[in-house]
Amino acid sequence: MPSLVLLRHGQSQWNLENRFTGWWDVGLTDQGTAEALDAGRRMKEAGLDFDVAFTSVQSRAIKTLNLALESMGRLWLPVTKNWQLNERHYGGLTGLNKADTAAKYGEDQVKIWRRSFDVPPPPLEPGGEFDLASDRRYAGIAIPTAESLKDTIARVLPYWEQAIAPELKAGKRVIIAAHGNSLRALVKHLSGLSDDEIVHEEIPTGQPMVYDLADDLTAISRRYI
C-alpha cells in the first residue's frame, strides 16, 4: 500500500500578521519552527518513515520539511524542490492585511477572492514591491499575476502525475511539504472532492496528514497525526 504524508508549513510570519502571502517568501515564526519539529516527532512516534521528499521553492515549506526530517533523523533523505508546489499566487492582494482588505473592498468580495474555486484576486502590477520577475528561482517560468484555486490545481496536478505519482507506484514512501492551497489541490484529487467541497477544506499548519492509498493512488483513508 503506497504511503503518503502531506504537511503544510508551520506558522509563517505573515500567517501571524494575517497578511496574504502567496508566492512571496517569508520565514517561520518561533511557533512555526516548533510546529515543524513537533510534526517530525509525531511522525517518528507513529512509526512513519520516508524514501523521498518533495517541497516547493518557498522557504517556509523548505524549512518546515528540513526541521521535520531533522526531528526524525532523516535529514539525509533526497528532497526535490519545484515551483509547481508553491502556494497559490494572491496577485494584487500580496502583502495586504486580510482584515484591512475586507474593510476596503467588503467582506463578500474578499471572501470570493479567498474562497471561490475559479475567481482569481486582482492581478499583481509589474514592477511593484512584490514583483518576482528578477527572482532567480523563477528564471524561464511564466510567473502568474494572480491565481484562483482552479489555476493552482492546474499546475500542481501535472507535477503530481509526472514526478510524485511514479515514486508512489514504485513503492516509495513519500512526504510532501507545501502550502494550504497546493495541498488542497492534492486533497481534491486524491479524495475525489467536488469543487464546492474543496473550497471549504481547511489544512492546519504543521499537522501531518497521512494518506492510505490504493494501488491506483486513490484514497482509502486519511487522518491527521
N, C-alpha and C. Protein backbone atom coordinates (compact mmCIF):
# COMPACT_ATOMS: atom_id res chain seq x y z
N MET A 1 0.84 -1.19 0.00
CA MET A 1 0.00 0.00 0.00
C MET A 1 0.88 1.25 0.00
N PRO A 2 0.75 2.12 -1.00
CA PRO A 2 1.59 3.33 -1.04
C PRO A 2 1.35 4.21 0.19
N SER A 3 2.43 4.83 0.67
CA SER A 3 2.38 5.66 1.87
C SER A 3 2.68 7.10 1.50
N LEU A 4 1.79 8.02 1.89
CA LEU A 4 1.94 9.43 1.55
C LEU A 4 1.57 10.29 2.75
N VAL A 5 2.41 11.29 3.03
CA VAL A 5 2.10 12.29 4.05
C VAL A 5 2.16 13.67 3.41
N LEU A 6 1.13 14.47 3.67
CA LEU A 6 1.10 15.87 3.26
C LEU A 6 1.28 16.73 4.51
N LEU A 7 2.17 17.71 4.42
CA LEU A 7 2.47 18.56 5.57
C LEU A 7 2.48 20.02 5.15
N ARG A 8 1.54 20.79 5.67
CA ARG A 8 1.57 22.23 5.44
C ARG A 8 2.64 22.84 6.33
N HIS A 9 3.34 23.84 5.79
CA HIS A 9 4.40 24.50 6.56
C HIS A 9 3.88 25.01 7.91
N GLY A 10 4.80 25.17 8.85
CA GLY A 10 4.44 25.75 10.14
C GLY A 10 4.04 27.21 10.00
N GLN A 11 3.53 27.77 11.08
CA GLN A 11 3.08 29.16 11.04
C GLN A 11 4.18 30.08 10.51
N SER A 12 3.82 30.91 9.53
CA SER A 12 4.77 31.88 8.98
C SER A 12 4.54 33.24 9.62
N GLN A 13 5.49 34.14 9.39
CA GLN A 13 5.36 35.48 9.95
C GLN A 13 4.12 36.18 9.44
N TRP A 14 3.78 35.97 8.18
CA TRP A 14 2.59 36.63 7.63
C TRP A 14 1.31 35.89 7.99
N ASN A 15 1.38 34.60 8.31
CA ASN A 15 0.23 33.95 8.93
C ASN A 15 -0.10 34.67 10.24
N LEU A 16 0.94 34.92 11.02
CA LEU A 16 0.78 35.58 12.32
C LEU A 16 0.21 36.98 12.15
N GLU A 17 0.67 37.69 11.12
CA GLU A 17 0.25 39.07 10.88
C GLU A 17 -1.04 39.16 10.06
N ASN A 18 -1.63 38.02 9.71
CA ASN A 18 -2.90 37.97 8.97
C ASN A 18 -2.79 38.66 7.61
N ARG A 19 -1.69 38.39 6.90
CA ARG A 19 -1.45 39.00 5.60
C ARG A 19 -1.51 37.94 4.50
N PHE A 20 -1.94 38.36 3.31
CA PHE A 20 -1.91 37.49 2.14
C PHE A 20 -0.45 37.28 1.73
N THR A 21 -0.04 36.02 1.58
CA THR A 21 1.37 35.72 1.33
C THR A 21 1.62 35.24 -0.09
N GLY A 22 0.94 34.16 -0.50
CA GLY A 22 1.12 33.66 -1.87
C GLY A 22 2.54 33.26 -2.18
N TRP A 23 3.10 33.80 -3.27
CA TRP A 23 4.44 33.42 -3.71
C TRP A 23 5.54 34.20 -2.99
N TRP A 24 5.18 35.19 -2.19
CA TRP A 24 6.22 35.95 -1.51
C TRP A 24 6.88 35.09 -0.44
N ASP A 25 8.19 35.27 -0.27
CA ASP A 25 8.96 34.42 0.63
C ASP A 25 9.01 35.03 2.03
N VAL A 26 8.45 34.37 3.00
CA VAL A 26 8.52 34.81 4.39
C VAL A 26 8.98 33.63 5.25
N GLY A 27 9.53 33.96 6.40
CA GLY A 27 10.06 32.92 7.27
C GLY A 27 9.03 32.38 8.25
N LEU A 28 9.46 31.37 9.00
CA LEU A 28 8.63 30.80 10.05
C LEU A 28 8.74 31.62 11.33
N THR A 29 7.66 31.66 12.08
CA THR A 29 7.72 32.20 13.44
C THR A 29 8.33 31.15 14.37
N ASP A 30 8.59 31.55 15.61
CA ASP A 30 9.05 30.57 16.60
C ASP A 30 8.01 29.45 16.74
N GLN A 31 6.73 29.83 16.71
CA GLN A 31 5.69 28.80 16.79
C GLN A 31 5.74 27.88 15.59
N GLY A 32 5.98 28.45 14.39
CA GLY A 32 6.08 27.64 13.19
C GLY A 32 7.23 26.66 13.24
N THR A 33 8.36 27.11 13.78
CA THR A 33 9.51 26.21 13.95
C THR A 33 9.16 25.08 14.91
N ALA A 34 8.50 25.42 16.00
CA ALA A 34 8.10 24.39 16.97
C ALA A 34 7.11 23.42 16.35
N GLU A 35 6.18 23.92 15.52
CA GLU A 35 5.21 23.05 14.86
C GLU A 35 5.92 22.05 13.94
N ALA A 36 6.93 22.53 13.21
CA ALA A 36 7.64 21.65 12.28
C ALA A 36 8.41 20.56 13.02
N LEU A 37 9.10 20.95 14.09
CA LEU A 37 9.84 19.97 14.88
C LEU A 37 8.89 18.96 15.52
N ASP A 38 7.76 19.44 16.01
CA ASP A 38 6.78 18.55 16.64
C ASP A 38 6.16 17.61 15.61
N ALA A 39 5.96 18.10 14.38
CA ALA A 39 5.44 17.23 13.32
C ALA A 39 6.37 16.05 13.08
N GLY A 40 7.67 16.34 13.03
CA GLY A 40 8.64 15.26 12.85
C GLY A 40 8.63 14.27 13.99
N ARG A 41 8.53 14.79 15.21
CA ARG A 41 8.48 13.91 16.39
C ARG A 41 7.27 13.00 16.33
N ARG A 42 6.11 13.57 15.99
CA ARG A 42 4.89 12.77 15.96
C ARG A 42 4.92 11.74 14.83
N MET A 43 5.51 12.10 13.70
CA MET A 43 5.62 11.13 12.61
C MET A 43 6.54 9.97 13.01
N LYS A 44 7.64 10.31 13.69
CA LYS A 44 8.56 9.25 14.15
C LYS A 44 7.87 8.35 15.16
N GLU A 45 7.15 8.95 16.11
CA GLU A 45 6.46 8.15 17.13
C GLU A 45 5.37 7.27 16.52
N ALA A 46 4.80 7.73 15.38
CA ALA A 46 3.76 6.96 14.71
C ALA A 46 4.34 5.85 13.83
N GLY A 47 5.66 5.75 13.78
CA GLY A 47 6.31 4.70 13.00
C GLY A 47 6.40 5.01 11.52
N LEU A 48 6.22 6.28 11.14
CA LEU A 48 6.31 6.65 9.73
C LEU A 48 7.77 6.81 9.32
N ASP A 49 8.04 6.49 8.08
CA ASP A 49 9.37 6.70 7.51
C ASP A 49 9.19 7.00 6.03
N PHE A 50 10.21 7.58 5.41
CA PHE A 50 10.09 8.03 4.03
C PHE A 50 11.33 7.65 3.23
N ASP A 51 11.13 7.56 1.93
CA ASP A 51 12.23 7.32 1.00
C ASP A 51 12.59 8.56 0.21
N VAL A 52 11.59 9.39 -0.10
CA VAL A 52 11.82 10.62 -0.86
C VAL A 52 10.91 11.72 -0.33
N ALA A 53 11.32 12.96 -0.56
CA ALA A 53 10.54 14.11 -0.11
C ALA A 53 10.43 15.13 -1.23
N PHE A 54 9.32 15.85 -1.23
CA PHE A 54 9.07 16.91 -2.21
C PHE A 54 8.64 18.17 -1.47
N THR A 55 9.01 19.32 -2.00
CA THR A 55 8.57 20.58 -1.44
C THR A 55 8.58 21.64 -2.52
N SER A 56 8.12 22.83 -2.15
CA SER A 56 8.10 23.95 -3.09
C SER A 56 9.48 24.62 -3.10
N VAL A 57 9.58 25.78 -3.74
CA VAL A 57 10.83 26.54 -3.68
C VAL A 57 10.69 27.73 -2.74
N GLN A 58 9.71 27.66 -1.83
CA GLN A 58 9.48 28.73 -0.87
C GLN A 58 10.03 28.34 0.50
N SER A 59 10.70 29.29 1.14
CA SER A 59 11.49 29.00 2.33
C SER A 59 10.68 28.39 3.46
N ARG A 60 9.45 28.86 3.65
CA ARG A 60 8.68 28.36 4.80
C ARG A 60 8.36 26.88 4.68
N ALA A 61 8.17 26.40 3.45
CA ALA A 61 7.93 24.96 3.25
C ALA A 61 9.23 24.17 3.35
N ILE A 62 10.30 24.72 2.76
CA ILE A 62 11.60 24.04 2.80
C ILE A 62 12.08 23.90 4.25
N LYS A 63 11.97 24.98 5.02
CA LYS A 63 12.41 24.94 6.41
C LYS A 63 11.57 23.97 7.23
N THR A 64 10.26 23.96 6.98
CA THR A 64 9.39 23.03 7.70
C THR A 64 9.80 21.59 7.41
N LEU A 65 10.04 21.28 6.14
CA LEU A 65 10.46 19.92 5.79
C LEU A 65 11.78 19.57 6.46
N ASN A 66 12.75 20.47 6.39
CA ASN A 66 14.06 20.19 6.98
C ASN A 66 13.97 19.97 8.48
N LEU A 67 13.18 20.80 9.16
CA LEU A 67 13.04 20.66 10.61
C LEU A 67 12.34 19.36 10.97
N ALA A 68 11.31 19.00 10.22
CA ALA A 68 10.60 17.76 10.49
C ALA A 68 11.51 16.55 10.25
N LEU A 69 12.25 16.58 9.15
CA LEU A 69 13.16 15.47 8.86
C LEU A 69 14.29 15.39 9.88
N GLU A 70 14.78 16.55 10.32
CA GLU A 70 15.81 16.56 11.36
C GLU A 70 15.28 15.92 12.64
N SER A 71 14.05 16.24 12.97
CA SER A 71 13.43 15.67 14.17
C SER A 71 13.28 14.16 14.06
N MET A 72 13.17 13.66 12.83
CA MET A 72 13.05 12.22 12.59
C MET A 72 14.40 11.53 12.38
N GLY A 73 15.49 12.31 12.33
CA GLY A 73 16.79 11.74 12.00
C GLY A 73 16.89 11.36 10.53
N ARG A 74 16.21 12.11 9.67
CA ARG A 74 16.15 11.79 8.25
C ARG A 74 16.55 12.96 7.35
N LEU A 75 17.44 13.83 7.83
CA LEU A 75 17.87 14.96 7.01
C LEU A 75 18.59 14.52 5.74
N TRP A 76 19.06 13.29 5.71
CA TRP A 76 19.81 12.80 4.55
C TRP A 76 18.91 12.35 3.39
N LEU A 77 17.61 12.34 3.61
CA LEU A 77 16.71 11.88 2.54
C LEU A 77 16.80 12.79 1.31
N PRO A 78 16.66 12.22 0.10
CA PRO A 78 16.64 13.06 -1.10
C PRO A 78 15.39 13.94 -1.14
N VAL A 79 15.59 15.22 -1.45
CA VAL A 79 14.50 16.20 -1.49
C VAL A 79 14.47 16.85 -2.86
N THR A 80 13.30 16.90 -3.47
CA THR A 80 13.11 17.58 -4.74
C THR A 80 12.26 18.83 -4.50
N LYS A 81 12.76 19.98 -4.98
CA LYS A 81 12.04 21.25 -4.84
C LYS A 81 11.51 21.66 -6.21
N ASN A 82 10.25 22.10 -6.25
CA ASN A 82 9.67 22.52 -7.52
C ASN A 82 8.64 23.63 -7.30
N TRP A 83 8.68 24.63 -8.17
CA TRP A 83 7.78 25.79 -8.04
C TRP A 83 6.32 25.41 -8.22
N GLN A 84 6.06 24.29 -8.87
CA GLN A 84 4.66 23.90 -9.09
C GLN A 84 3.96 23.51 -7.79
N LEU A 85 4.73 23.32 -6.72
CA LEU A 85 4.15 23.06 -5.40
C LEU A 85 4.02 24.34 -4.57
N ASN A 86 4.34 25.49 -5.17
CA ASN A 86 4.20 26.77 -4.47
C ASN A 86 2.76 27.02 -4.03
N GLU A 87 2.63 27.96 -3.10
CA GLU A 87 1.31 28.42 -2.70
C GLU A 87 0.61 29.09 -3.87
N ARG A 88 -0.68 29.20 -3.78
CA ARG A 88 -1.46 29.98 -4.75
C ARG A 88 -0.94 31.42 -4.79
N HIS A 89 -0.87 32.01 -5.99
CA HIS A 89 -0.42 33.39 -6.14
C HIS A 89 -1.59 34.33 -5.85
N TYR A 90 -1.44 35.17 -4.84
CA TYR A 90 -2.53 36.06 -4.44
C TYR A 90 -2.53 37.40 -5.18
N GLY A 91 -1.69 37.53 -6.20
CA GLY A 91 -1.75 38.70 -7.06
C GLY A 91 -1.63 40.01 -6.30
N GLY A 92 -2.55 40.95 -6.61
CA GLY A 92 -2.50 42.27 -6.01
C GLY A 92 -2.83 42.30 -4.53
N LEU A 93 -3.28 41.19 -3.97
CA LEU A 93 -3.55 41.12 -2.53
C LEU A 93 -2.28 40.82 -1.73
N THR A 94 -1.21 40.41 -2.41
CA THR A 94 0.03 40.02 -1.73
C THR A 94 0.50 41.12 -0.78
N GLY A 95 0.74 40.72 0.47
CA GLY A 95 1.25 41.64 1.47
C GLY A 95 0.19 42.40 2.24
N LEU A 96 -1.06 42.36 1.78
CA LEU A 96 -2.11 43.13 2.43
C LEU A 96 -2.65 42.39 3.65
N ASN A 97 -3.00 43.16 4.67
CA ASN A 97 -3.67 42.59 5.84
C ASN A 97 -5.08 42.19 5.44
N LYS A 98 -5.50 40.99 5.83
CA LYS A 98 -6.80 40.47 5.39
C LYS A 98 -7.96 41.27 5.96
N ALA A 99 -7.85 41.69 7.20
CA ALA A 99 -8.93 42.48 7.80
C ALA A 99 -9.03 43.85 7.14
N ASP A 100 -7.88 44.49 6.87
CA ASP A 100 -7.88 45.79 6.20
C ASP A 100 -8.45 45.67 4.79
N THR A 101 -8.14 44.57 4.11
CA THR A 101 -8.63 44.35 2.76
C THR A 101 -10.15 44.19 2.76
N ALA A 102 -10.67 43.48 3.76
CA ALA A 102 -12.12 43.32 3.87
C ALA A 102 -12.80 44.66 4.14
N ALA A 103 -12.16 45.51 4.96
CA ALA A 103 -12.73 46.82 5.24
C ALA A 103 -12.75 47.69 3.99
N LYS A 104 -11.74 47.52 3.13
CA LYS A 104 -11.63 48.34 1.92
C LYS A 104 -12.57 47.87 0.82
N TYR A 105 -12.60 46.55 0.56
CA TYR A 105 -13.34 46.02 -0.58
C TYR A 105 -14.68 45.38 -0.19
N GLY A 106 -14.88 45.16 1.10
CA GLY A 106 -16.08 44.48 1.56
C GLY A 106 -15.80 43.01 1.82
N GLU A 107 -16.38 42.48 2.89
CA GLU A 107 -16.12 41.09 3.26
C GLU A 107 -16.58 40.11 2.19
N ASP A 108 -17.70 40.42 1.51
CA ASP A 108 -18.20 39.50 0.49
C ASP A 108 -17.22 39.37 -0.67
N GLN A 109 -16.66 40.50 -1.11
CA GLN A 109 -15.71 40.45 -2.22
C GLN A 109 -14.44 39.70 -1.83
N VAL A 110 -13.94 39.96 -0.64
CA VAL A 110 -12.72 39.28 -0.20
C VAL A 110 -12.97 37.79 -0.02
N LYS A 111 -14.16 37.44 0.44
CA LYS A 111 -14.50 36.01 0.57
C LYS A 111 -14.49 35.33 -0.80
N ILE A 112 -14.97 36.03 -1.82
CA ILE A 112 -14.94 35.47 -3.18
C ILE A 112 -13.50 35.26 -3.63
N TRP A 113 -12.66 36.26 -3.40
CA TRP A 113 -11.25 36.11 -3.80
C TRP A 113 -10.56 34.99 -3.04
N ARG A 114 -10.88 34.84 -1.76
CA ARG A 114 -10.19 33.86 -0.93
C ARG A 114 -10.75 32.45 -1.12
N ARG A 115 -12.07 32.32 -1.26
CA ARG A 115 -12.69 31.01 -1.13
C ARG A 115 -13.45 30.51 -2.35
N SER A 116 -13.58 31.31 -3.39
CA SER A 116 -14.22 30.77 -4.59
C SER A 116 -13.26 29.79 -5.27
N PHE A 117 -13.79 28.95 -6.11
CA PHE A 117 -12.97 27.95 -6.78
C PHE A 117 -12.22 28.52 -7.97
N ASP A 118 -12.86 29.41 -8.72
CA ASP A 118 -12.27 29.82 -10.00
C ASP A 118 -12.20 31.32 -10.24
N VAL A 119 -12.34 32.13 -9.18
CA VAL A 119 -12.21 33.59 -9.33
C VAL A 119 -10.88 34.03 -8.73
N PRO A 120 -9.94 34.50 -9.55
CA PRO A 120 -8.66 34.96 -9.01
C PRO A 120 -8.77 36.34 -8.39
N PRO A 121 -7.86 36.71 -7.51
CA PRO A 121 -7.82 38.08 -7.00
C PRO A 121 -7.33 39.04 -8.08
N PRO A 122 -7.33 40.34 -7.79
CA PRO A 122 -6.79 41.29 -8.78
C PRO A 122 -5.34 40.96 -9.12
N PRO A 123 -4.91 41.22 -10.35
CA PRO A 123 -3.54 40.88 -10.73
C PRO A 123 -2.50 41.75 -10.04
N LEU A 124 -1.31 41.20 -9.88
CA LEU A 124 -0.19 41.94 -9.33
C LEU A 124 0.36 42.86 -10.41
N GLU A 125 0.52 44.12 -10.07
CA GLU A 125 1.06 45.07 -11.03
C GLU A 125 2.57 44.85 -11.20
N PRO A 126 3.08 44.85 -12.45
CA PRO A 126 4.52 44.65 -12.65
C PRO A 126 5.33 45.80 -12.08
N GLY A 127 6.52 45.46 -11.59
CA GLY A 127 7.43 46.48 -11.10
C GLY A 127 7.20 46.90 -9.66
N GLY A 128 6.21 46.31 -9.01
CA GLY A 128 5.92 46.67 -7.63
C GLY A 128 6.82 45.95 -6.63
N GLU A 129 6.52 46.18 -5.36
CA GLU A 129 7.35 45.63 -4.28
C GLU A 129 7.41 44.11 -4.30
N PHE A 130 6.33 43.47 -4.73
CA PHE A 130 6.26 42.01 -4.66
C PHE A 130 6.40 41.34 -6.03
N ASP A 131 6.91 42.07 -7.01
CA ASP A 131 7.17 41.52 -8.34
C ASP A 131 8.37 40.57 -8.26
N LEU A 132 8.19 39.34 -8.74
CA LEU A 132 9.24 38.32 -8.65
C LEU A 132 9.99 38.10 -9.97
N ALA A 133 9.84 39.02 -10.90
CA ALA A 133 10.43 38.83 -12.23
C ALA A 133 11.94 38.65 -12.19
N SER A 134 12.61 39.25 -11.20
CA SER A 134 14.07 39.15 -11.13
C SER A 134 14.55 38.05 -10.18
N ASP A 135 13.62 37.27 -9.63
CA ASP A 135 13.98 36.20 -8.70
C ASP A 135 14.53 35.01 -9.47
N ARG A 136 15.75 34.59 -9.16
CA ARG A 136 16.41 33.50 -9.90
C ARG A 136 15.64 32.20 -9.87
N ARG A 137 14.86 31.99 -8.82
CA ARG A 137 14.10 30.75 -8.71
C ARG A 137 13.14 30.56 -9.88
N TYR A 138 12.70 31.67 -10.45
CA TYR A 138 11.64 31.62 -11.45
C TYR A 138 12.14 31.99 -12.85
N ALA A 139 13.44 31.89 -13.05
CA ALA A 139 14.00 32.17 -14.38
C ALA A 139 13.40 31.21 -15.41
N GLY A 140 12.87 31.76 -16.48
CA GLY A 140 12.29 30.94 -17.54
C GLY A 140 10.86 30.49 -17.27
N ILE A 141 10.29 30.89 -16.14
CA ILE A 141 8.92 30.50 -15.77
C ILE A 141 7.99 31.68 -16.02
N ALA A 142 6.83 31.40 -16.58
CA ALA A 142 5.82 32.44 -16.75
C ALA A 142 5.13 32.64 -15.40
N ILE A 143 5.61 33.59 -14.62
CA ILE A 143 5.08 33.82 -13.29
C ILE A 143 3.65 34.36 -13.40
N PRO A 144 2.70 33.74 -12.73
CA PRO A 144 1.32 34.25 -12.81
C PRO A 144 1.19 35.62 -12.15
N THR A 145 0.22 36.38 -12.59
CA THR A 145 -0.06 37.66 -11.93
C THR A 145 -1.09 37.49 -10.83
N ALA A 146 -1.81 36.38 -10.84
CA ALA A 146 -2.77 36.01 -9.80
C ALA A 146 -3.29 34.62 -10.14
N GLU A 147 -3.74 33.88 -9.13
CA GLU A 147 -4.27 32.53 -9.36
C GLU A 147 -5.52 32.28 -8.52
N SER A 148 -6.47 31.60 -9.10
CA SER A 148 -7.57 31.01 -8.34
C SER A 148 -7.12 29.63 -7.86
N LEU A 149 -7.96 28.99 -7.05
CA LEU A 149 -7.65 27.61 -6.66
C LEU A 149 -7.63 26.71 -7.89
N LYS A 150 -8.54 26.95 -8.83
CA LYS A 150 -8.57 26.18 -10.07
C LYS A 150 -7.25 26.31 -10.82
N ASP A 151 -6.70 27.51 -10.88
CA ASP A 151 -5.41 27.73 -11.54
C ASP A 151 -4.30 26.98 -10.82
N THR A 152 -4.34 27.00 -9.50
CA THR A 152 -3.32 26.31 -8.71
C THR A 152 -3.36 24.81 -8.97
N ILE A 153 -4.55 24.25 -9.00
CA ILE A 153 -4.71 22.82 -9.30
C ILE A 153 -4.14 22.50 -10.67
N ALA A 154 -4.33 23.40 -11.62
CA ALA A 154 -3.88 23.16 -13.00
C ALA A 154 -2.37 23.08 -13.12
N ARG A 155 -1.62 23.62 -12.18
CA ARG A 155 -0.16 23.47 -12.22
C ARG A 155 0.35 22.39 -11.27
N VAL A 156 -0.39 22.13 -10.17
CA VAL A 156 0.05 21.12 -9.21
C VAL A 156 -0.14 19.71 -9.75
N LEU A 157 -1.30 19.43 -10.34
CA LEU A 157 -1.59 18.05 -10.74
C LEU A 157 -0.66 17.51 -11.83
N PRO A 158 -0.28 18.29 -12.85
CA PRO A 158 0.69 17.74 -13.81
C PRO A 158 2.01 17.35 -13.15
N TYR A 159 2.45 18.13 -12.15
CA TYR A 159 3.68 17.77 -11.45
C TYR A 159 3.47 16.50 -10.62
N TRP A 160 2.33 16.38 -10.00
CA TRP A 160 1.98 15.16 -9.28
C TRP A 160 2.09 13.95 -10.20
N GLU A 161 1.46 14.03 -11.35
CA GLU A 161 1.45 12.89 -12.29
C GLU A 161 2.84 12.60 -12.83
N GLN A 162 3.62 13.64 -13.09
CA GLN A 162 4.93 13.47 -13.71
C GLN A 162 6.00 13.00 -12.74
N ALA A 163 6.02 13.57 -11.53
CA ALA A 163 7.15 13.36 -10.63
C ALA A 163 6.84 12.58 -9.37
N ILE A 164 5.66 12.78 -8.78
CA ILE A 164 5.38 12.19 -7.47
C ILE A 164 4.68 10.85 -7.57
N ALA A 165 3.64 10.77 -8.39
CA ALA A 165 2.89 9.51 -8.53
C ALA A 165 3.79 8.34 -8.92
N PRO A 166 4.75 8.51 -9.86
CA PRO A 166 5.62 7.37 -10.20
C PRO A 166 6.42 6.84 -9.02
N GLU A 167 6.82 7.72 -8.11
CA GLU A 167 7.56 7.26 -6.92
C GLU A 167 6.67 6.41 -6.03
N LEU A 168 5.43 6.84 -5.85
CA LEU A 168 4.48 6.05 -5.04
C LEU A 168 4.18 4.71 -5.70
N LYS A 169 4.00 4.72 -7.01
CA LYS A 169 3.71 3.47 -7.72
C LYS A 169 4.89 2.51 -7.69
N ALA A 170 6.08 3.06 -7.50
CA ALA A 170 7.28 2.22 -7.39
C ALA A 170 7.49 1.72 -5.96
N GLY A 171 6.55 2.05 -5.06
CA GLY A 171 6.63 1.57 -3.69
C GLY A 171 7.36 2.49 -2.74
N LYS A 172 7.71 3.69 -3.18
CA LYS A 172 8.42 4.63 -2.31
C LYS A 172 7.46 5.26 -1.31
N ARG A 173 7.97 5.56 -0.14
CA ARG A 173 7.22 6.28 0.89
C ARG A 173 7.53 7.77 0.73
N VAL A 174 6.50 8.58 0.59
CA VAL A 174 6.67 9.97 0.16
C VAL A 174 6.10 10.94 1.18
N ILE A 175 6.82 12.04 1.42
CA ILE A 175 6.30 13.17 2.16
C ILE A 175 6.36 14.41 1.26
N ILE A 176 5.28 15.21 1.29
CA ILE A 176 5.23 16.46 0.54
C ILE A 176 4.98 17.57 1.54
N ALA A 177 5.93 18.50 1.64
CA ALA A 177 5.76 19.68 2.49
C ALA A 177 5.47 20.87 1.58
N ALA A 178 4.31 21.45 1.74
CA ALA A 178 3.92 22.51 0.82
C ALA A 178 3.01 23.52 1.54
N HIS A 179 1.95 23.94 0.88
CA HIS A 179 1.17 25.09 1.31
C HIS A 179 -0.32 24.77 1.32
N GLY A 180 -1.10 25.63 1.96
CA GLY A 180 -2.52 25.36 2.10
C GLY A 180 -3.22 25.05 0.79
N ASN A 181 -2.98 25.88 -0.23
CA ASN A 181 -3.71 25.69 -1.48
C ASN A 181 -3.09 24.65 -2.41
N SER A 182 -1.76 24.54 -2.44
CA SER A 182 -1.18 23.47 -3.27
C SER A 182 -1.51 22.10 -2.68
N LEU A 183 -1.62 22.02 -1.36
CA LEU A 183 -2.03 20.75 -0.75
C LEU A 183 -3.52 20.50 -0.95
N ARG A 184 -4.33 21.56 -0.96
CA ARG A 184 -5.75 21.36 -1.25
C ARG A 184 -5.93 20.81 -2.66
N ALA A 185 -5.08 21.21 -3.58
CA ALA A 185 -5.14 20.65 -4.93
C ALA A 185 -4.96 19.14 -4.89
N LEU A 186 -4.01 18.66 -4.08
CA LEU A 186 -3.78 17.22 -3.98
C LEU A 186 -4.90 16.52 -3.23
N VAL A 187 -5.40 17.15 -2.18
CA VAL A 187 -6.52 16.56 -1.42
C VAL A 187 -7.75 16.40 -2.31
N LYS A 188 -8.04 17.41 -3.12
CA LYS A 188 -9.18 17.33 -4.03
C LYS A 188 -9.03 16.14 -4.97
N HIS A 189 -7.83 15.99 -5.51
CA HIS A 189 -7.56 14.92 -6.47
C HIS A 189 -7.63 13.55 -5.80
N LEU A 190 -6.94 13.39 -4.68
CA LEU A 190 -6.83 12.09 -4.04
C LEU A 190 -8.15 11.65 -3.41
N SER A 191 -8.87 12.58 -2.80
CA SER A 191 -10.10 12.25 -2.09
C SER A 191 -11.35 12.40 -2.95
N GLY A 192 -11.18 12.85 -4.20
CA GLY A 192 -12.32 12.97 -5.10
C GLY A 192 -13.34 13.99 -4.64
N LEU A 193 -12.88 15.11 -4.07
CA LEU A 193 -13.79 16.14 -3.58
C LEU A 193 -14.30 17.00 -4.74
N SER A 194 -15.50 17.51 -4.58
CA SER A 194 -16.09 18.38 -5.59
C SER A 194 -15.47 19.78 -5.50
N ASP A 195 -15.75 20.61 -6.52
CA ASP A 195 -15.26 21.99 -6.49
C ASP A 195 -15.78 22.72 -5.26
N ASP A 196 -17.01 22.46 -4.89
CA ASP A 196 -17.59 23.13 -3.73
C ASP A 196 -17.01 22.60 -2.42
N GLU A 197 -16.79 21.31 -2.34
CA GLU A 197 -16.26 20.72 -1.12
C GLU A 197 -14.85 21.21 -0.82
N ILE A 198 -14.02 21.34 -1.85
CA ILE A 198 -12.62 21.67 -1.60
C ILE A 198 -12.44 23.10 -1.12
N VAL A 199 -13.33 24.01 -1.49
CA VAL A 199 -13.15 25.40 -1.04
C VAL A 199 -13.42 25.53 0.46
N HIS A 200 -14.08 24.54 1.05
CA HIS A 200 -14.33 24.55 2.49
C HIS A 200 -13.31 23.73 3.28
N GLU A 201 -12.37 23.14 2.58
CA GLU A 201 -11.35 22.29 3.23
C GLU A 201 -10.28 23.17 3.87
N GLU A 202 -10.07 23.02 5.16
CA GLU A 202 -9.04 23.76 5.88
C GLU A 202 -7.89 22.81 6.22
N ILE A 203 -6.67 23.22 5.91
CA ILE A 203 -5.49 22.41 6.22
C ILE A 203 -4.65 23.17 7.24
N PRO A 204 -4.56 22.69 8.46
CA PRO A 204 -3.84 23.42 9.51
C PRO A 204 -2.33 23.37 9.31
N THR A 205 -1.64 24.38 9.86
CA THR A 205 -0.19 24.42 9.76
C THR A 205 0.44 23.36 10.66
N GLY A 206 1.49 22.73 10.13
CA GLY A 206 2.30 21.83 10.93
C GLY A 206 1.65 20.55 11.40
N GLN A 207 0.56 20.14 10.73
CA GLN A 207 -0.15 18.92 11.14
C GLN A 207 -0.03 17.86 10.04
N PRO A 208 0.75 16.80 10.24
CA PRO A 208 0.91 15.79 9.20
C PRO A 208 -0.42 15.10 8.85
N MET A 209 -0.74 15.08 7.56
CA MET A 209 -1.92 14.38 7.07
C MET A 209 -1.46 13.10 6.38
N VAL A 210 -1.89 11.97 6.89
CA VAL A 210 -1.45 10.67 6.40
C VAL A 210 -2.51 10.08 5.49
N TYR A 211 -2.10 9.74 4.27
CA TYR A 211 -2.99 9.09 3.31
C TYR A 211 -2.64 7.61 3.18
N ASP A 212 -3.63 6.76 3.31
CA ASP A 212 -3.51 5.36 2.89
C ASP A 212 -4.11 5.28 1.50
N LEU A 213 -3.30 4.83 0.55
CA LEU A 213 -3.70 4.85 -0.85
C LEU A 213 -3.82 3.45 -1.42
N ALA A 214 -4.77 3.29 -2.32
CA ALA A 214 -4.86 2.05 -3.09
C ALA A 214 -3.76 2.04 -4.14
N ASP A 215 -3.59 0.92 -4.81
CA ASP A 215 -2.53 0.81 -5.81
C ASP A 215 -2.70 1.81 -6.95
N ASP A 216 -3.95 2.22 -7.22
CA ASP A 216 -4.17 3.22 -8.27
C ASP A 216 -4.07 4.65 -7.72
N LEU A 217 -3.63 4.77 -6.47
CA LEU A 217 -3.39 6.04 -5.79
C LEU A 217 -4.67 6.80 -5.44
N THR A 218 -5.78 6.14 -5.41
CA THR A 218 -6.99 6.73 -4.85
C THR A 218 -6.97 6.54 -3.34
N ALA A 219 -7.62 7.44 -2.63
CA ALA A 219 -7.56 7.41 -1.18
C ALA A 219 -8.43 6.32 -0.58
N ILE A 220 -7.83 5.53 0.31
CA ILE A 220 -8.58 4.60 1.15
C ILE A 220 -9.03 5.33 2.41
N SER A 221 -8.09 6.09 2.97
CA SER A 221 -8.39 6.87 4.18
C SER A 221 -7.37 7.98 4.31
N ARG A 222 -7.70 8.96 5.13
CA ARG A 222 -6.73 9.99 5.51
C ARG A 222 -7.00 10.41 6.94
N ARG A 223 -5.94 10.82 7.61
CA ARG A 223 -6.05 11.19 9.00
C ARG A 223 -4.91 12.12 9.37
N TYR A 224 -5.12 12.92 10.37
CA TYR A 224 -4.06 13.74 10.93
C TYR A 224 -3.44 13.01 12.12
N ILE A 225 -2.16 13.22 12.30
CA ILE A 225 -1.50 12.65 13.49
C ILE A 225 -0.88 13.78 14.31
